[in-house]
Amino acid sequence: MAAPPPIRIGSRLFAWGRRTYIMSIINVTPDSFSEPSGRTDPDRAVARALLAVAEGADLLDIGGESTRPGAVPVDAATERARVLPVIEALVARTDVPLSIDTTKASVAEAALRAGCALVNDVSGLHADPEMAGVVTRFGVPLVAMANLRGIHFDDVIAGVGARFSASLAIAAAAGIARERVILDPGFGFGPAPAQNLEMVRRLGELHAFGRPLLLGVSRKSTLGRVLDLPVEQRLEGTAAAVTLGIAAGVAIVRVHDTRAIGRVARMADAIVRGWVPPADATQARQTGTS
């Protein structure tokens, strides 16, 4: 199947199918599942984000409310107070596009005004009826997740597909062009561990929607269940799942470990998408260093 047309996010053009893009997670929360010592200090968040840029991030996804199961919800004012100083500082210091990870329209609007160029809504436009309108007014791309928490489904891909269809319908009704939507199957957002693994195994079926796919497996509890490891020891599991996602054609991977997973993605891309040797490859072969 042909790759979807490119999408401009901020100042950069994302050409799908050429390589896998790295979205780096920048949590500005005190209760992130992946960072037990997470902080809301904006200076620390900015420092983490700039390190991710130095390590090769293509996107910075900034979130002020934890989406882990059982997390305590925060109000929009609190969420805005957490993310806006980080966004404002990063806009002044990097041209890497910024994404706002929120389900609240008022937070998304404030973040877009501050300089974000993408909305990442883990509810797939279902949590806040005003969200689709905000995305439309600002003309930015959208990541819509198939969040299956609390939803009955018999087949994980059928369940994901139904949520994708519903989100795309909401987007279309609000005037969001299908060409500006990126779809996230929602690994860890409802399916049981075995179903999450099946989701990755069957990702190729979701290309029927004709949209770029974003995969967020980084440090998730399913990896911990399989490997019997705590969150801080799940890098190899993340790498394995990311590699299989790339083999299945995902366009973006959302990760904590930017440098390590960026290298994994480059190697996987070289195998899956093809690799053009650098100019000095002939010399490397001749000296036996290739």
Protein backbone atom coordinates (compact mmCIF):
# COMPACT_ATOMS: atom_id res chain seq x y z
CA MET A 1 0.00 0.00 0.00
CA ALA A 2 1.31 3.45 -0.92
CA ALA A 3 2.42 5.71 1.92
CA PRO A 4 0.00 8.50 2.91
CA PRO A 5 0.82 12.00 1.65
CA PRO A 6 3.26 14.06 3.74
CA ILE A 7 2.01 16.22 6.61
CA ARG A 8 3.55 19.53 7.64
CA ILE A 9 3.90 19.78 11.42
CA GLY A 10 5.21 23.16 12.45
CA SER A 11 8.15 24.05 10.22
CA ARG A 12 8.90 20.46 9.18
CA LEU A 13 7.49 18.18 6.52
CA PHE A 14 6.93 14.60 7.64
CA ALA A 15 7.23 12.35 4.58
CA TRP A 16 5.77 8.99 5.55
CA GLY A 17 7.46 5.81 4.40
CA ARG A 18 10.97 7.19 4.12
CA ARG A 19 11.94 6.60 7.74
CA THR A 20 10.41 6.22 11.18
CA TYR A 21 10.01 9.44 13.16
CA ILE A 22 10.78 9.69 16.87
CA MET A 23 8.29 11.42 19.19
CA SER A 24 9.93 12.03 22.57
CA ILE A 25 7.78 12.01 25.70
CA ILE A 26 8.13 15.06 27.94
CA ASN A 27 6.04 14.50 31.06
CA VAL A 28 5.35 17.52 33.24
CA THR A 29 3.54 15.52 35.91
CA PRO A 30 4.30 14.30 39.43
CA ASP A 31 2.74 10.86 38.85
CA SER A 32 3.94 9.48 35.51
CA PHE A 33 4.03 5.66 35.45
CA SER A 34 7.38 5.69 33.68
CA GLU A 35 9.11 8.26 35.84
CA PRO A 36 8.36 7.62 39.53
CA SER A 37 10.41 10.69 40.42
CA GLY A 38 8.68 12.83 37.79
CA ARG A 39 8.48 16.54 38.52
CA THR A 40 6.45 19.51 37.41
CA ASP A 41 9.44 21.87 37.50
CA PRO A 42 9.46 23.51 34.04
CA ASP A 43 13.23 23.97 33.98
CA ARG A 44 13.76 20.24 34.43
CA ALA A 45 11.22 19.46 31.73
CA VAL A 46 12.86 21.90 29.32
CA ALA A 47 16.27 20.35 30.02
CA ARG A 48 14.87 16.86 29.31
CA ALA A 49 13.31 18.13 26.09
CA LEU A 50 16.50 19.79 24.85
CA LEU A 51 18.43 16.61 25.61
CA ALA A 52 15.88 14.68 23.54
CA VAL A 53 16.43 17.16 20.68
CA ALA A 54 20.18 16.61 20.91
CA GLU A 55 19.55 12.86 20.80
CA GLY A 56 17.53 13.11 17.60
CA ALA A 57 13.88 13.73 18.51
CA ASP A 58 11.64 14.66 15.57
CA LEU A 59 8.73 15.71 17.82
CA LEU A 60 8.39 16.66 21.49
CA ASP A 61 5.14 15.50 23.09
CA ILE A 62 4.39 17.58 26.18
CA GLY A 63 1.82 16.40 28.69
CA GLY A 64 0.63 17.82 32.00
CA GLU A 65 -1.69 15.01 33.10
CA SER A 66 -0.79 11.37 33.59
CA THR A 67 -2.78 8.91 31.47
CA ARG A 68 -1.76 5.81 33.42
CA PRO A 69 -4.60 3.66 34.77
CA GLY A 70 -5.82 4.99 38.11
CA ALA A 71 -4.14 8.38 37.78
CA VAL A 72 -5.80 11.26 39.60
CA PRO A 73 -7.39 13.66 37.07
CA VAL A 74 -6.30 17.29 37.12
CA ASP A 75 -8.30 20.33 36.11
CA ALA A 76 -7.55 22.35 33.00
CA ALA A 77 -6.03 25.25 34.94
CA THR A 78 -3.52 22.95 36.63
CA GLU A 79 -2.67 21.27 33.36
CA ARG A 80 -2.14 24.61 31.61
CA ALA A 81 0.06 25.86 34.44
CA ARG A 82 2.27 22.81 34.07
CA VAL A 83 2.72 22.79 30.30
CA LEU A 84 2.66 26.42 29.15
CA PRO A 85 6.00 27.52 30.70
CA VAL A 86 7.65 24.48 29.10
CA ILE A 87 6.12 25.16 25.69
CA GLU A 88 7.03 28.85 25.79
CA ALA A 89 10.63 28.08 26.72
CA LEU A 90 11.02 25.41 24.04
CA VAL A 91 9.53 27.54 21.26
CA ALA A 92 12.33 30.03 21.93
CA ARG A 93 15.07 27.38 21.94
CA THR A 94 14.29 24.76 19.29
CA ASP A 95 12.54 24.40 15.96
CA VAL A 96 11.58 20.78 16.66
CA PRO A 97 7.76 20.69 16.45
CA LEU A 98 5.92 20.53 19.75
CA SER A 99 2.88 18.34 20.41
CA ILE A 100 0.39 18.86 23.24
CA ASP A 101 -0.75 15.63 24.88
CA THR A 102 -4.17 16.47 26.28
CA THR A 103 -7.84 15.56 26.11
CA LYS A 104 -9.01 19.06 27.10
CA ALA A 105 -9.89 21.60 24.44
CA SER A 106 -8.96 24.61 26.58
CA VAL A 107 -5.51 23.16 27.27
CA ALA A 108 -5.00 22.37 23.60
CA GLU A 109 -6.03 25.89 22.59
CA ALA A 110 -3.65 27.51 25.08
CA ALA A 111 -0.82 25.22 23.99
CA LEU A 112 -1.42 25.92 20.29
CA ARG A 113 -1.42 29.66 20.97
CA ALA A 114 1.89 29.21 22.81
CA GLY A 115 3.48 27.45 19.86
CA CYS A 116 2.50 23.79 19.71
CA ALA A 117 1.93 22.43 16.22
CA LEU A 118 0.15 19.12 16.88
CA VAL A 119 -2.62 17.87 19.18
CA ASN A 120 -2.25 14.36 20.63
CA ASP A 121 -5.64 13.37 22.04
CA VAL A 122 -5.63 9.97 23.75
CA SER A 123 -9.43 10.00 23.80
CA GLY A 124 -9.61 10.20 20.01
CA LEU A 125 -11.83 13.33 20.21
CA HIS A 126 -14.31 11.61 22.54
CA ALA A 127 -13.46 13.30 25.88
CA ASP A 128 -14.18 16.93 25.07
CA PRO A 129 -16.77 17.91 22.44
CA GLU A 130 -14.90 21.19 21.85
CA MET A 131 -11.58 19.55 20.93
CA ALA A 132 -12.32 18.93 17.27
CA GLY A 133 -13.31 22.57 16.83
CA VAL A 134 -10.03 23.75 18.34
CA VAL A 135 -8.04 21.53 15.98
CA THR A 136 -10.06 22.87 13.05
CA ARG A 137 -9.61 26.53 13.97
CA PHE A 138 -5.84 26.24 14.31
CA GLY A 139 -5.46 24.05 11.24
CA VAL A 140 -3.01 21.68 12.94
CA PRO A 141 -2.65 17.93 12.53
CA LEU A 142 -4.19 15.56 15.06
CA VAL A 143 -3.16 12.28 16.63
CA ALA A 144 -6.34 10.35 17.46
CA MET A 145 -5.99 7.30 19.70
CA ALA A 146 -8.23 4.25 19.78
CA ASN A 147 -8.71 4.29 23.55
CA LEU A 148 -10.54 1.09 24.48
CA ARG A 149 -10.70 1.59 28.24
CA GLY A 150 -14.17 0.63 29.46
CA ILE A 151 -15.26 -0.54 26.00
CA HIS A 152 -16.25 -4.12 25.24
CA PHE A 153 -14.63 -5.72 22.21
CA ASP A 154 -14.09 -9.30 21.10
CA ASP A 155 -11.30 -8.75 18.60
CA VAL A 156 -8.63 -6.17 19.36
CA ILE A 157 -8.12 -4.99 15.78
CA ALA A 158 -11.86 -4.78 15.20
CA GLY A 159 -12.15 -2.74 18.40
CA VAL A 160 -9.35 -0.42 17.36
CA GLY A 161 -10.85 -0.08 13.90
CA ALA A 162 -14.24 0.87 15.28
CA ARG A 163 -12.69 3.61 17.41
CA PHE A 164 -10.63 4.86 14.48
CA SER A 165 -13.80 5.10 12.38
CA ALA A 166 -15.61 6.98 15.14
CA SER A 167 -12.75 9.45 15.60
CA LEU A 168 -12.43 10.04 11.88
CA ALA A 169 -16.18 10.71 11.68
CA ILE A 170 -15.98 13.29 14.48
CA ALA A 171 -12.99 14.90 12.77
CA ALA A 172 -14.72 15.05 9.39
CA ALA A 173 -17.87 16.57 10.89
CA ALA A 174 -15.73 19.32 12.44
CA GLY A 175 -13.90 20.04 9.19
CA ILE A 176 -10.62 18.30 10.01
CA ALA A 177 -9.28 16.89 6.77
CA ARG A 178 -8.61 13.16 6.91
CA GLU A 179 -5.16 13.93 5.47
CA ARG A 180 -4.24 15.73 8.72
CA VAL A 181 -5.08 12.81 11.05
CA ILE A 182 -2.51 10.39 12.47
CA LEU A 183 -3.91 7.26 14.13
CA ASP A 184 -2.64 5.62 17.33
CA PRO A 185 -3.99 2.09 18.07
CA GLY A 186 -3.70 2.68 21.83
CA PHE A 187 -1.28 0.02 23.07
CA GLY A 188 -1.96 -0.24 26.82
CA PHE A 189 -5.21 1.73 26.74
CA GLY A 190 -7.77 -0.97 27.40
CA PRO A 191 -6.57 -4.23 25.85
CA ALA A 192 -5.24 -6.98 28.11
CA PRO A 193 -1.51 -7.75 27.81
CA ALA A 194 -2.02 -10.61 25.36
CA GLN A 195 -4.28 -8.36 23.26
CA ASN A 196 -1.63 -5.62 23.23
CA LEU A 197 0.85 -8.13 21.82
CA GLU A 198 -1.71 -9.25 19.25
CA MET A 199 -2.24 -5.61 18.32
CA VAL A 200 1.43 -5.20 17.42
CA ARG A 201 1.41 -8.53 15.57
CA ARG A 202 -1.55 -7.37 13.43
CA LEU A 203 -0.65 -3.70 12.95
CA GLY A 204 -0.49 -4.19 9.21
CA GLU A 205 -4.26 -4.61 9.09
CA LEU A 206 -4.69 -1.01 10.23
CA HIS A 207 -3.09 0.39 7.08
CA ALA A 208 -6.53 -0.10 5.53
CA PHE A 209 -7.39 3.32 7.03
CA GLY A 210 -4.76 4.93 4.81
CA ARG A 211 -3.37 7.08 7.61
CA PRO A 212 0.06 7.19 9.30
CA LEU A 213 0.22 5.07 12.44
CA LEU A 214 1.80 6.15 15.72
CA LEU A 215 2.88 3.41 18.14
CA GLY A 216 3.41 4.07 21.84
CA VAL A 217 4.82 0.99 23.57
CA SER A 218 7.60 2.63 25.58
CA ARG A 219 8.07 1.06 29.04
CA LYS A 220 4.42 -0.06 29.12
CA SER A 221 3.19 -2.56 31.73
CA THR A 222 2.62 -5.26 29.11
CA LEU A 223 6.38 -5.34 28.57
CA GLY A 224 6.86 -5.68 32.30
CA ARG A 225 4.39 -8.56 32.44
CA VAL A 226 6.16 -10.45 29.67
CA LEU A 227 9.68 -9.84 30.95
CA ASP A 228 8.87 -9.68 34.69
CA LEU A 229 10.80 -6.42 34.95
CA PRO A 230 10.17 -3.04 36.59
CA VAL A 231 9.56 0.05 34.50
CA GLU A 232 13.18 1.24 34.55
CA GLN A 233 14.40 -2.06 33.03
CA ARG A 234 12.13 -2.26 29.98
CA LEU A 235 14.38 -0.71 27.34
CA GLU A 236 15.08 -3.98 25.53
CA GLY A 237 11.39 -4.87 25.54
CA THR A 238 10.58 -1.44 24.15
CA ALA A 239 13.21 -1.90 21.45
CA ALA A 240 11.79 -5.28 20.41
CA ALA A 241 8.22 -3.96 20.17
CA VAL A 242 9.34 -0.83 18.30
CA THR A 243 11.30 -2.94 15.81
CA LEU A 244 8.29 -5.11 15.07
CA GLY A 245 6.13 -2.01 14.76
CA ILE A 246 8.53 -0.56 12.20
CA ALA A 247 8.50 -3.85 10.30
CA ALA A 248 4.69 -3.50 10.23
CA GLY A 249 4.97 0.02 8.78
CA VAL A 250 4.33 2.42 11.66
CA ALA A 251 5.29 6.02 10.90
CA ILE A 252 6.03 7.40 14.37
CA VAL A 253 7.14 5.78 17.62
CA ARG A 254 6.50 7.60 20.90
CA VAL A 255 9.32 6.89 23.34
CA HIS A 256 11.11 7.88 26.52
CA ASP A 257 14.61 6.71 25.54
CA THR A 258 15.24 8.92 22.53
CA ARG A 259 18.85 8.09 21.72
CA ALA A 260 18.59 4.33 22.20
CA ILE A 261 15.30 3.89 20.37
CA GLY A 262 16.40 6.33 17.68
CA ARG A 263 19.29 3.98 16.94
CA VAL A 264 16.94 1.00 16.96
CA ALA A 265 14.69 2.79 14.48
CA ARG A 266 17.58 3.66 12.18
CA MET A 267 18.73 0.05 12.08
CA ALA A 268 15.20 -1.28 11.59
CA ASP A 269 14.57 1.28 8.85
CA ALA A 270 17.79 0.25 7.09
CA ILE A 271 16.51 -3.33 6.93
CA VAL A 272 12.82 -2.67 6.29
CA ARG A 273 12.91 0.41 4.08
CA GLY A 274 16.31 -0.07 2.45
CA TRP A 275 19.69 1.52 3.04
CA VAL A 276 21.92 3.60 0.81
CA PRO A 277 25.58 3.25 1.90
CA PRO A 278 27.47 6.46 2.64
CA ALA A 279 30.14 7.68 0.26
CA ASP A 280 32.96 6.02 2.21
CA ALA A 281 31.30 2.58 2.28
CA THR A 282 33.62 1.23 -0.41
CA GLN A 283 36.67 2.20 1.61
CA ALA A 284 35.17 0.64 4.73
CA ARG A 285 34.66 -2.65 2.90
CA GLN A 286 38.19 -2.60 1.55
CA THR A 287 39.65 -2.12 5.03
CA GLY A 288 37.40 -4.75 6.57
CA THR A 289 35.63 -2.34 8.91
CA SER A 290 32.15 -2.54 7.40
